[in-house]
Amino acid sequence: MKNIDYIIATTVPSQQAQLDKALLLDWAETTHWTGL
């Protein structure tokens, strides 16, 4: 659902600032998820 804020918020707090939101969003937008 391209909900990158949730991805960041559910990463251990001390690592959240190290996450690249734009990169995560780009991956989500260029990927068609088909199953888990």
Full PDB file with SEQRES, HELIX, SHEET, SSBOND, CRYST1, ORIGX, SCALE, CONECT and MASTER records, all heavy atoms in Angstrom:
SEQRES   1 A   36  MET LYS ASN ILE ASP TYR ILE ILE ALA THR THR VAL PRO          
SEQRES   2 A   36  SER GLN GLN ALA GLN LEU ASP LYS ALA LEU LEU LEU ASP          
SEQRES   3 A   36  TRP ALA GLU THR THR HIS TRP THR GLY LEU                      
HELIX    1 AA1 ILE A    4  ALA A    9  1                                   6    
HELIX    2 AA2 PRO A   13  GLN A   18  5                                   6    
HELIX    3 AA3 LYS A   21  GLU A   29  1                                   9    
CRYST1    1.000    1.000    1.000  90.00  90.00  90.00 P 1           1          
ORIGX1      1.000000  0.000000  0.000000        0.00000                         
ORIGX2      0.000000  1.000000  0.000000        0.00000                         
ORIGX3      0.000000  0.000000  1.000000        0.00000                         
SCALE1      1.000000  0.000000  0.000000        0.00000                         
SCALE2      0.000000  1.000000  0.000000        0.00000                         
SCALE3      0.000000  0.000000  1.000000        0.00000                         
ATOM      1  N   MET A   1       0.817  -1.221   0.000  1.00  0.00           N  
ATOM      2  CA  MET A   1       0.000   0.000   0.000  1.00  0.00           C  
ATOM      3  C   MET A   1       0.851   1.272   0.000  1.00  0.00           C  
ATOM      4  O   MET A   1       0.323   2.370   0.132  1.00  0.00           O  
ATOM      5  CB  MET A   1      -0.932  -0.015   1.213  1.00  0.00           C  
ATOM      6  CG  MET A   1      -1.884  -1.172   1.175  1.00  0.00           C  
ATOM      7  SD  MET A   1      -2.933  -1.175   2.631  1.00  0.00           S  
ATOM      8  CE  MET A   1      -4.298  -2.138   1.994  1.00  0.00           C  
ATOM      9  N   LYS A   2       2.155   1.088  -0.107  1.00  0.00           N  
ATOM     10  CA  LYS A   2       3.107   2.208  -0.142  1.00  0.00           C  
ATOM     11  C   LYS A   2       3.023   3.071   1.118  1.00  0.00           C  
ATOM     12  O   LYS A   2       3.188   4.286   1.087  1.00  0.00           O  
ATOM     13  CB  LYS A   2       2.915   3.039  -1.404  1.00  0.00           C  
ATOM     14  CG  LYS A   2       3.110   2.226  -2.676  1.00  0.00           C  
ATOM     15  CD  LYS A   2       2.643   2.966  -3.897  1.00  0.00           C  
ATOM     16  CE  LYS A   2       2.685   2.124  -5.142  1.00  0.00           C  
ATOM     17  NZ  LYS A   2       1.807   0.966  -5.148  1.00  0.00           N  
ATOM     18  N   ASN A   3       2.770   2.436   2.243  1.00  0.00           N  
ATOM     19  CA  ASN A   3       2.652   3.110   3.543  1.00  0.00           C  
ATOM     20  C   ASN A   3       4.035   3.096   4.220  1.00  0.00           C  
ATOM     21  O   ASN A   3       4.278   2.346   5.156  1.00  0.00           O  
ATOM     22  CB  ASN A   3       1.604   2.398   4.400  1.00  0.00           C  
ATOM     23  CG  ASN A   3       1.354   3.078   5.721  1.00  0.00           C  
ATOM     24  OD1 ASN A   3       2.068   3.992   6.122  1.00  0.00           O  
ATOM     25  ND2 ASN A   3       0.339   2.613   6.423  1.00  0.00           N  
ATOM     26  N   ILE A   4       4.910   3.931   3.728  1.00  0.00           N  
ATOM     27  CA  ILE A   4       6.305   3.936   4.195  1.00  0.00           C  
ATOM     28  C   ILE A   4       6.417   4.474   5.615  1.00  0.00           C  
ATOM     29  O   ILE A   4       7.289   4.056   6.378  1.00  0.00           O  
ATOM     30  CB  ILE A   4       7.196   4.720   3.206  1.00  0.00           C  
ATOM     31  CG1 ILE A   4       7.086   4.105   1.802  1.00  0.00           C  
ATOM     32  CG2 ILE A   4       8.646   4.740   3.681  1.00  0.00           C  
ATOM     33  CD1 ILE A   4       7.323   2.601   1.711  1.00  0.00           C  
ATOM     34  N   ASP A   5       5.526   5.361   6.012  1.00  0.00           N  
ATOM     35  CA  ASP A   5       5.558   5.853   7.395  1.00  0.00           C  
ATOM     36  C   ASP A   5       5.394   4.693   8.378  1.00  0.00           C  
ATOM     37  O   ASP A   5       6.038   4.664   9.426  1.00  0.00           O  
ATOM     38  CB  ASP A   5       4.471   6.900   7.625  1.00  0.00           C  
ATOM     39  CG  ASP A   5       4.774   8.219   6.914  1.00  0.00           C  
ATOM     40  OD1 ASP A   5       5.957   8.494   6.629  1.00  0.00           O  
ATOM     41  OD2 ASP A   5       3.816   8.970   6.645  1.00  0.00           O  
ATOM     42  N   TYR A   6       4.534   3.729   8.043  1.00  0.00           N  
ATOM     43  CA  TYR A   6       4.348   2.560   8.914  1.00  0.00           C  
ATOM     44  C   TYR A   6       5.615   1.701   8.942  1.00  0.00           C  
ATOM     45  O   TYR A   6       6.011   1.215  10.000  1.00  0.00           O  
ATOM     46  CB  TYR A   6       3.148   1.730   8.440  1.00  0.00           C  
ATOM     47  CG  TYR A   6       2.853   0.556   9.346  1.00  0.00           C  
ATOM     48  CD1 TYR A   6       2.163   0.745  10.537  1.00  0.00           C  
ATOM     49  CD2 TYR A   6       3.266  -0.730   9.025  1.00  0.00           C  
ATOM     50  CE1 TYR A   6       1.893  -0.326  11.389  1.00  0.00           C  
ATOM     51  CE2 TYR A   6       3.003  -1.806   9.866  1.00  0.00           C  
ATOM     52  CZ  TYR A   6       2.313  -1.593  11.037  1.00  0.00           C  
ATOM     53  OH  TYR A   6       2.057  -2.659  11.886  1.00  0.00           O  
ATOM     54  N   ILE A   7       6.246   1.531   7.793  1.00  0.00           N  
ATOM     55  CA  ILE A   7       7.489   0.755   7.723  1.00  0.00           C  
ATOM     56  C   ILE A   7       8.528   1.369   8.661  1.00  0.00           C  
ATOM     57  O   ILE A   7       9.184   0.670   9.433  1.00  0.00           O  
ATOM     58  CB  ILE A   7       8.027   0.700   6.274  1.00  0.00           C  
ATOM     59  CG1 ILE A   7       7.035  -0.015   5.347  1.00  0.00           C  
ATOM     60  CG2 ILE A   7       9.413   0.059   6.217  1.00  0.00           C  
ATOM     61  CD1 ILE A   7       6.749  -1.447   5.688  1.00  0.00           C  
ATOM     62  N   ILE A   8       8.666   2.664   8.603  1.00  0.00           N  
ATOM     63  CA  ILE A   8       9.656   3.348   9.446  1.00  0.00           C  
ATOM     64  C   ILE A   8       9.258   3.258  10.918  1.00  0.00           C  
ATOM     65  O   ILE A   8      10.087   2.924  11.773  1.00  0.00           O  
ATOM     66  CB  ILE A   8       9.836   4.811   8.984  1.00  0.00           C  
ATOM     67  CG1 ILE A   8      10.501   4.820   7.593  1.00  0.00           C  
ATOM     68  CG2 ILE A   8      10.652   5.609  10.002  1.00  0.00           C  
ATOM     69  CD1 ILE A   8      10.540   6.165   6.918  1.00  0.00           C  
ATOM     70  N   ALA A   9       7.998   3.498  11.227  1.00  0.00           N  
ATOM     71  CA  ALA A   9       7.535   3.487  12.621  1.00  0.00           C  
ATOM     72  C   ALA A   9       7.650   2.120  13.284  1.00  0.00           C  
ATOM     73  O   ALA A   9       7.747   2.037  14.512  1.00  0.00           O  
ATOM     74  CB  ALA A   9       6.087   3.968  12.697  1.00  0.00           C  
ATOM     75  N   THR A  10       7.664   1.056  12.488  1.00  0.00           N  
ATOM     76  CA  THR A  10       7.742  -0.296  13.054  1.00  0.00           C  
ATOM     77  C   THR A  10       9.150  -0.870  13.014  1.00  0.00           C  
ATOM     78  O   THR A  10       9.357  -2.027  13.351  1.00  0.00           O  
ATOM     79  CB  THR A  10       6.754  -1.249  12.340  1.00  0.00           C  
ATOM     80  OG1 THR A  10       7.034  -1.251  10.932  1.00  0.00           O  
ATOM     81  CG2 THR A  10       5.317  -0.829  12.601  1.00  0.00           C  
ATOM     82  N   THR A  11      10.110  -0.036  12.648  1.00  0.00           N  
ATOM     83  CA  THR A  11      11.521  -0.403  12.741  1.00  0.00           C  
ATOM     84  C   THR A  11      12.005   0.048  14.111  1.00  0.00           C  
ATOM     85  O   THR A  11      11.543   1.064  14.637  1.00  0.00           O  
ATOM     86  CB  THR A  11      12.328   0.279  11.622  1.00  0.00           C  
ATOM     87  OG1 THR A  11      11.779  -0.124  10.353  1.00  0.00           O  
ATOM     88  CG2 THR A  11      13.803  -0.082  11.680  1.00  0.00           C  
ATOM     89  N   VAL A  12      12.916  -0.704  14.711  1.00  0.00           N  
ATOM     90  CA  VAL A  12      13.400  -0.371  16.055  1.00  0.00           C  
ATOM     91  C   VAL A  12      13.761   1.127  16.099  1.00  0.00           C  
ATOM     92  O   VAL A  12      14.379   1.651  15.168  1.00  0.00           O  
ATOM     93  CB  VAL A  12      14.563  -1.306  16.468  1.00  0.00           C  
ATOM     94  CG1 VAL A  12      15.840  -1.031  15.725  1.00  0.00           C  
ATOM     95  CG2 VAL A  12      14.800  -1.282  17.948  1.00  0.00           C  
ATOM     96  N   PRO A  13      13.289   1.851  17.111  1.00  0.00           N  
ATOM     97  CA  PRO A  13      13.428   3.312  17.137  1.00  0.00           C  
ATOM     98  C   PRO A  13      14.835   3.846  16.882  1.00  0.00           C  
ATOM     99  O   PRO A  13      14.988   4.857  16.193  1.00  0.00           O  
ATOM    100  CB  PRO A  13      12.924   3.694  18.531  1.00  0.00           C  
ATOM    101  CG  PRO A  13      11.899   2.646  18.838  1.00  0.00           C  
ATOM    102  CD  PRO A  13      12.481   1.371  18.253  1.00  0.00           C  
ATOM    103  N   SER A  14      15.860   3.184  17.391  1.00  0.00           N  
ATOM    104  CA  SER A  14      17.222   3.700  17.199  1.00  0.00           C  
ATOM    105  C   SER A  14      17.681   3.613  15.748  1.00  0.00           C  
ATOM    106  O   SER A  14      18.671   4.252  15.382  1.00  0.00           O  
ATOM    107  CB  SER A  14      18.203   2.951  18.101  1.00  0.00           C  
ATOM    108  OG  SER A  14      18.305   1.601  17.702  1.00  0.00           O  
ATOM    109  N   GLN A  15      16.976   2.882  14.905  1.00  0.00           N  
ATOM    110  CA  GLN A  15      17.356   2.763  13.498  1.00  0.00           C  
ATOM    111  C   GLN A  15      16.512   3.639  12.572  1.00  0.00           C  
ATOM    112  O   GLN A  15      16.861   3.813  11.407  1.00  0.00           O  
ATOM    113  CB  GLN A  15      17.222   1.305  13.033  1.00  0.00           C  
ATOM    114  CG  GLN A  15      18.203   0.363  13.670  1.00  0.00           C  
ATOM    115  CD  GLN A  15      18.061  -1.033  13.095  1.00  0.00           C  
ATOM    116  OE1 GLN A  15      16.968  -1.553  12.971  1.00  0.00           O  
ATOM    117  NE2 GLN A  15      19.181  -1.629  12.743  1.00  0.00           N  
ATOM    118  N   GLN A  16      15.425   4.182  13.056  1.00  0.00           N  
ATOM    119  CA  GLN A  16      14.486   4.891  12.190  1.00  0.00           C  
ATOM    120  C   GLN A  16      15.122   6.050  11.431  1.00  0.00           C  
ATOM    121  O   GLN A  16      14.840   6.254  10.251  1.00  0.00           O  
ATOM    122  CB  GLN A  16      13.271   5.360  12.998  1.00  0.00           C  
ATOM    123  CG  GLN A  16      12.415   4.205  13.456  1.00  0.00           C  
ATOM    124  CD  GLN A  16      11.266   4.619  14.352  1.00  0.00           C  
ATOM    125  OE1 GLN A  16      10.989   5.789  14.557  1.00  0.00           O  
ATOM    126  NE2 GLN A  16      10.577   3.627  14.910  1.00  0.00           N  
ATOM    127  N   ALA A  17      15.987   6.800  12.067  1.00  0.00           N  
ATOM    128  CA  ALA A  17      16.610   7.956  11.413  1.00  0.00           C  
ATOM    129  C   ALA A  17      17.557   7.538  10.292  1.00  0.00           C  
ATOM    130  O   ALA A  17      17.856   8.343   9.403  1.00  0.00           O  
ATOM    131  CB  ALA A  17      17.361   8.805  12.436  1.00  0.00           C  
ATOM    132  N   GLN A  18      18.016   6.292  10.313  1.00  0.00           N  
ATOM    133  CA  GLN A  18      18.933   5.801   9.280  1.00  0.00           C  
ATOM    134  C   GLN A  18      18.209   5.327   8.014  1.00  0.00           C  
ATOM    135  O   GLN A  18      18.853   5.053   7.002  1.00  0.00           O  
ATOM    136  CB  GLN A  18      19.767   4.637   9.817  1.00  0.00           C  
ATOM    137  CG  GLN A  18      20.678   5.003  10.958  1.00  0.00           C  
ATOM    138  CD  GLN A  18      21.438   3.786  11.432  1.00  0.00           C  
ATOM    139  OE1 GLN A  18      22.214   3.200  10.683  1.00  0.00           O  
ATOM    140  NE2 GLN A  18      21.203   3.373  12.660  1.00  0.00           N  
ATOM    141  N   LEU A  19      16.888   5.205   8.073  1.00  0.00           N  
ATOM    142  CA  LEU A  19      16.139   4.700   6.928  1.00  0.00           C  
ATOM    143  C   LEU A  19      15.939   5.804   5.896  1.00  0.00           C  
ATOM    144  O   LEU A  19      15.647   6.942   6.244  1.00  0.00           O  
ATOM    145  CB  LEU A  19      14.790   4.141   7.385  1.00  0.00           C  
ATOM    146  CG  LEU A  19      14.886   2.970   8.365  1.00  0.00           C  
ATOM    147  CD1 LEU A  19      13.493   2.561   8.831  1.00  0.00           C  
ATOM    148  CD2 LEU A  19      15.612   1.784   7.754  1.00  0.00           C  
ATOM    149  N   ASP A  20      16.089   5.451   4.635  1.00  0.00           N  
ATOM    150  CA  ASP A  20      15.933   6.394   3.537  1.00  0.00           C  
ATOM    151  C   ASP A  20      14.499   6.286   3.012  1.00  0.00           C  
ATOM    152  O   ASP A  20      14.174   5.380   2.246  1.00  0.00           O  
ATOM    153  CB  ASP A  20      16.943   6.067   2.440  1.00  0.00           C  
ATOM    154  CG  ASP A  20      16.943   7.064   1.301  1.00  0.00           C  
ATOM    155  OD1 ASP A  20      15.905   7.702   1.032  1.00  0.00           O  
ATOM    156  OD2 ASP A  20      18.001   7.197   0.658  1.00  0.00           O  
ATOM    157  N   LYS A  21      13.652   7.211   3.453  1.00  0.00           N  
ATOM    158  CA  LYS A  21      12.230   7.166   3.109  1.00  0.00           C  
ATOM    159  C   LYS A  21      12.012   7.194   1.597  1.00  0.00           C  
ATOM    160  O   LYS A  21      11.177   6.454   1.068  1.00  0.00           O  
ATOM    161  CB  LYS A  21      11.487   8.313   3.790  1.00  0.00           C  
ATOM    162  CG  LYS A  21       9.996   8.259   3.606  1.00  0.00           C  
ATOM    163  CD  LYS A  21       9.290   9.335   4.410  1.00  0.00           C  
ATOM    164  CE  LYS A  21       7.788   9.256   4.227  1.00  0.00           C  
ATOM    165  NZ  LYS A  21       7.084  10.242   5.060  1.00  0.00           N  
ATOM    166  N   ALA A  22      12.746   8.030   0.889  1.00  0.00           N  
ATOM    167  CA  ALA A  22      12.590   8.130  -0.564  1.00  0.00           C  
ATOM    168  C   ALA A  22      12.956   6.821  -1.246  1.00  0.00           C  
ATOM    169  O   ALA A  22      12.273   6.377  -2.177  1.00  0.00           O  
ATOM    170  CB  ALA A  22      13.436   9.278  -1.109  1.00  0.00           C  
ATOM    171  N   LEU A  23      14.007   6.174  -0.786  1.00  0.00           N  
ATOM    172  CA  LEU A  23      14.424   4.893  -1.356  1.00  0.00           C  
ATOM    173  C   LEU A  23      13.387   3.803  -1.080  1.00  0.00           C  
ATOM    174  O   LEU A  23      13.051   3.005  -1.968  1.00  0.00           O  
ATOM    175  CB  LEU A  23      15.787   4.479  -0.784  1.00  0.00           C  
ATOM    176  CG  LEU A  23      16.434   3.243  -1.375  1.00  0.00           C  
ATOM    177  CD1 LEU A  23      16.780   3.458  -2.838  1.00  0.00           C  
ATOM    178  CD2 LEU A  23      17.693   2.896  -0.590  1.00  0.00           C  
ATOM    179  N   LEU A  24      12.863   3.776   0.139  1.00  0.00           N  
ATOM    180  CA  LEU A  24      11.823   2.798   0.478  1.00  0.00           C  
ATOM    181  C   LEU A  24      10.566   3.022  -0.361  1.00  0.00           C  
ATOM    182  O   LEU A  24       9.960   2.065  -0.861  1.00  0.00           O  
ATOM    183  CB  LEU A  24      11.484   2.886   1.968  1.00  0.00           C  
ATOM    184  CG  LEU A  24      12.575   2.435   2.936  1.00  0.00           C  
ATOM    185  CD1 LEU A  24      12.208   2.814   4.367  1.00  0.00           C  
ATOM    186  CD2 LEU A  24      12.835   0.948   2.810  1.00  0.00           C  
ATOM    187  N   LEU A  25      10.184   4.271  -0.542  1.00  0.00           N  
ATOM    188  CA  LEU A  25       9.009   4.584  -1.348  1.00  0.00           C  
ATOM    189  C   LEU A  25       9.234   4.203  -2.809  1.00  0.00           C  
ATOM    190  O   LEU A  25       8.346   3.625  -3.451  1.00  0.00           O  
ATOM    191  CB  LEU A  25       8.646   6.065  -1.231  1.00  0.00           C  
ATOM    192  CG  LEU A  25       7.402   6.507  -1.996  1.00  0.00           C  
ATOM    193  CD1 LEU A  25       6.160   5.726  -1.546  1.00  0.00           C  
ATOM    194  CD2 LEU A  25       7.183   8.002  -1.809  1.00  0.00           C  
ATOM    195  N   ASP A  26      10.423   4.470  -3.316  1.00  0.00           N  
ATOM    196  CA  ASP A  26      10.737   4.109  -4.700  1.00  0.00           C  
ATOM    197  C   ASP A  26      10.618   2.598  -4.897  1.00  0.00           C  
ATOM    198  O   ASP A  26      10.066   2.137  -5.895  1.00  0.00           O  
ATOM    199  CB  ASP A  26      12.142   4.590  -5.075  1.00  0.00           C  
ATOM    200  CG  ASP A  26      12.484   4.254  -6.516  1.00  0.00           C  
ATOM    201  OD1 ASP A  26      11.775   4.759  -7.423  1.00  0.00           O  
ATOM    202  OD2 ASP A  26      13.441   3.489  -6.741  1.00  0.00           O  
ATOM    203  N   TRP A  27      11.134   1.826  -3.935  1.00  0.00           N  
ATOM    204  CA  TRP A  27      11.048   0.372  -4.034  1.00  0.00           C  
ATOM    205  C   TRP A  27       9.587  -0.071  -4.037  1.00  0.00           C  
ATOM    206  O   TRP A  27       9.169  -0.906  -4.834  1.00  0.00           O  
ATOM    207  CB  TRP A  27      11.833  -0.297  -2.900  1.00  0.00           C  
ATOM    208  CG  TRP A  27      11.977  -1.779  -3.043  1.00  0.00           C  
ATOM    209  CD1 TRP A  27      12.156  -2.478  -4.208  1.00  0.00           C  
ATOM    210  CD2 TRP A  27      11.967  -2.754  -2.008  1.00  0.00           C  
ATOM    211  NE1 TRP A  27      12.260  -3.826  -3.943  1.00  0.00           N  
ATOM    212  CE2 TRP A  27      12.150  -4.021  -2.598  1.00  0.00           C  
ATOM    213  CE3 TRP A  27      11.827  -2.672  -0.627  1.00  0.00           C  
ATOM    214  CZ2 TRP A  27      12.189  -5.194  -1.868  1.00  0.00           C  
ATOM    215  CZ3 TRP A  27      11.878  -3.852   0.109  1.00  0.00           C  
ATOM    216  CH2 TRP A  27      12.055  -5.093  -0.504  1.00  0.00           C  
ATOM    217  N   ALA A  28       8.794   0.501  -3.147  1.00  0.00           N  
ATOM    218  CA  ALA A  28       7.376   0.141  -3.075  1.00  0.00           C  
ATOM    219  C   ALA A  28       6.646   0.513  -4.370  1.00  0.00           C  
ATOM    220  O   ALA A  28       5.793  -0.237  -4.841  1.00  0.00           O  
ATOM    221  CB  ALA A  28       6.719   0.813  -1.875  1.00  0.00           C  
ATOM    222  N   GLU A  29       6.984   1.654  -4.943  1.00  0.00           N  
ATOM    223  CA  GLU A  29       6.289   2.119  -6.150  1.00  0.00           C  
ATOM    224  C   GLU A  29       6.709   1.381  -7.410  1.00  0.00           C  
ATOM    225  O   GLU A  29       5.938   1.301  -8.360  1.00  0.00           O  
ATOM    226  CB  GLU A  29       6.501   3.622  -6.330  1.00  0.00           C  
ATOM    227  CG  GLU A  29       5.736   4.438  -5.312  1.00  0.00           C  
ATOM    228  CD  GLU A  29       5.949   5.931  -5.445  1.00  0.00           C  
ATOM    229  OE1 GLU A  29       6.960   6.365  -6.052  1.00  0.00           O  
ATOM    230  OE2 GLU A  29       5.088   6.674  -4.931  1.00  0.00           O  
ATOM    231  N   THR A  30       7.916   0.847  -7.440  1.00  0.00           N  
ATOM    232  CA  THR A  30       8.402   0.154  -8.640  1.00  0.00           C  
ATOM    233  C   THR A  30       8.271  -1.362  -8.530  1.00  0.00           C  
ATOM    234  O   THR A  30       8.766  -2.084  -9.386  1.00  0.00           O  
ATOM    235  CB  THR A  30       9.872   0.524  -8.931  1.00  0.00           C  
ATOM    236  OG1 THR A  30      10.671   0.151  -7.803  1.00  0.00           O  
ATOM    237  CG2 THR A  30      10.016   2.006  -9.226  1.00  0.00           C  
ATOM    238  N   THR A  31       7.618  -1.806  -7.489  1.00  0.00           N  
ATOM    239  CA  THR A  31       7.466  -3.238  -7.242  1.00  0.00           C  
ATOM    240  C   THR A  31       5.988  -3.586  -7.177  1.00  0.00           C  
ATOM    241  O   THR A  31       5.214  -2.902  -6.511  1.00  0.00           O  
ATOM    242  CB  THR A  31       8.150  -3.612  -5.903  1.00  0.00           C  
ATOM    243  OG1 THR A  31       9.519  -3.215  -5.981  1.00  0.00           O  
ATOM    244  CG2 THR A  31       8.080  -5.095  -5.643  1.00  0.00           C  
ATOM    245  N   HIS A  32       5.625  -4.638  -7.877  1.00  0.00           N  
ATOM    246  CA  HIS A  32       4.256  -5.152  -7.789  1.00  0.00           C  
ATOM    247  C   HIS A  32       4.301  -6.392  -6.904  1.00  0.00           C  
ATOM    248  O   HIS A  32       4.830  -7.431  -7.289  1.00  0.00           O  
ATOM    249  CB  HIS A  32       3.701  -5.497  -9.178  1.00  0.00           C  
ATOM    250  CG  HIS A  32       2.360  -6.154  -9.120  1.00  0.00           C  
ATOM    251  ND1 HIS A  32       1.220  -5.474  -8.742  1.00  0.00           N  
ATOM    252  CD2 HIS A  32       1.988  -7.424  -9.362  1.00  0.00           C  
ATOM    253  CE1 HIS A  32       0.206  -6.314  -8.767  1.00  0.00           C  
ATOM    254  NE2 HIS A  32       0.641  -7.499  -9.133  1.00  0.00           N  
ATOM    255  N   TRP A  33       3.798  -6.247  -5.696  1.00  0.00           N  
ATOM    256  CA  TRP A  33       3.838  -7.333  -4.716  1.00  0.00           C  
ATOM    257  C   TRP A  33       2.772  -8.360  -5.066  1.00  0.00           C  
ATOM    258  O   TRP A  33       1.615  -8.017  -5.276  1.00  0.00           O  
ATOM    259  CB  TRP A  33       3.628  -6.771  -3.313  1.00  0.00           C  
ATOM    260  CG  TRP A  33       4.689  -5.773  -2.977  1.00  0.00           C  
ATOM    261  CD1 TRP A  33       4.599  -4.416  -3.078  1.00  0.00           C  
ATOM    262  CD2 TRP A  33       6.012  -6.045  -2.555  1.00  0.00           C  
ATOM    263  NE1 TRP A  33       5.784  -3.827  -2.725  1.00  0.00           N  
ATOM    264  CE2 TRP A  33       6.671  -4.815  -2.405  1.00  0.00           C  
ATOM    265  CE3 TRP A  33       6.716  -7.217  -2.290  1.00  0.00           C  
ATOM    266  CZ2 TRP A  33       8.000  -4.722  -2.000  1.00  0.00           C  
ATOM    267  CZ3 TRP A  33       8.035  -7.122  -1.874  1.00  0.00           C  
ATOM    268  CH2 TRP A  33       8.657  -5.893  -1.740  1.00  0.00           C  
ATOM    269  N   THR A  34       3.161  -9.641  -5.115  1.00  0.00           N  
ATOM    270  CA  THR A  34       2.234 -10.674  -5.573  1.00  0.00           C  
ATOM    271  C   THR A  34       1.921 -11.743  -4.539  1.00  0.00           C  
ATOM    272  O   THR A  34       1.037 -12.560  -4.779  1.00  0.00           O  
ATOM    273  CB  THR A  34       2.783 -11.355  -6.844  1.00  0.00           C  
ATOM    274  OG1 THR A  34       4.073 -11.916  -6.565  1.00  0.00           O  
ATOM    275  CG2 THR A  34       2.896 -10.352  -7.989  1.00  0.00           C  
ATOM    276  N   GLY A  35       2.622 -11.749  -3.419  1.00  0.00           N  
ATOM    277  CA  GLY A  35       2.293 -12.745  -2.411  1.00  0.00           C  
ATOM    278  C   GLY A  35       3.289 -12.802  -1.273  1.00  0.00           C  
ATOM    279  O   GLY A  35       4.402 -12.287  -1.366  1.00  0.00           O  
ATOM    280  N   LEU A  36       2.857 -13.439  -0.204  1.00  0.00           N  
ATOM    281  CA  LEU A  36       3.684 -13.592   0.986  1.00  0.00           C  
ATOM    282  C   LEU A  36       3.493 -15.002   1.535  1.00  0.00           C  
ATOM    283  O   LEU A  36       2.366 -15.474   1.655  1.00  0.00           O  
ATOM    284  CB  LEU A  36       3.276 -12.581   2.065  1.00  0.00           C  
ATOM    285  CG  LEU A  36       3.993 -12.686   3.412  1.00  0.00           C  
ATOM    286  CD1 LEU A  36       5.464 -12.297   3.262  1.00  0.00           C  
ATOM    287  CD2 LEU A  36       3.317 -11.816   4.449  1.00  0.00           C  
TER     288      LEU A  36                                                      
MASTER        0    0    0    3    0    0    0    6  287    1    0    3          
END                                                                             
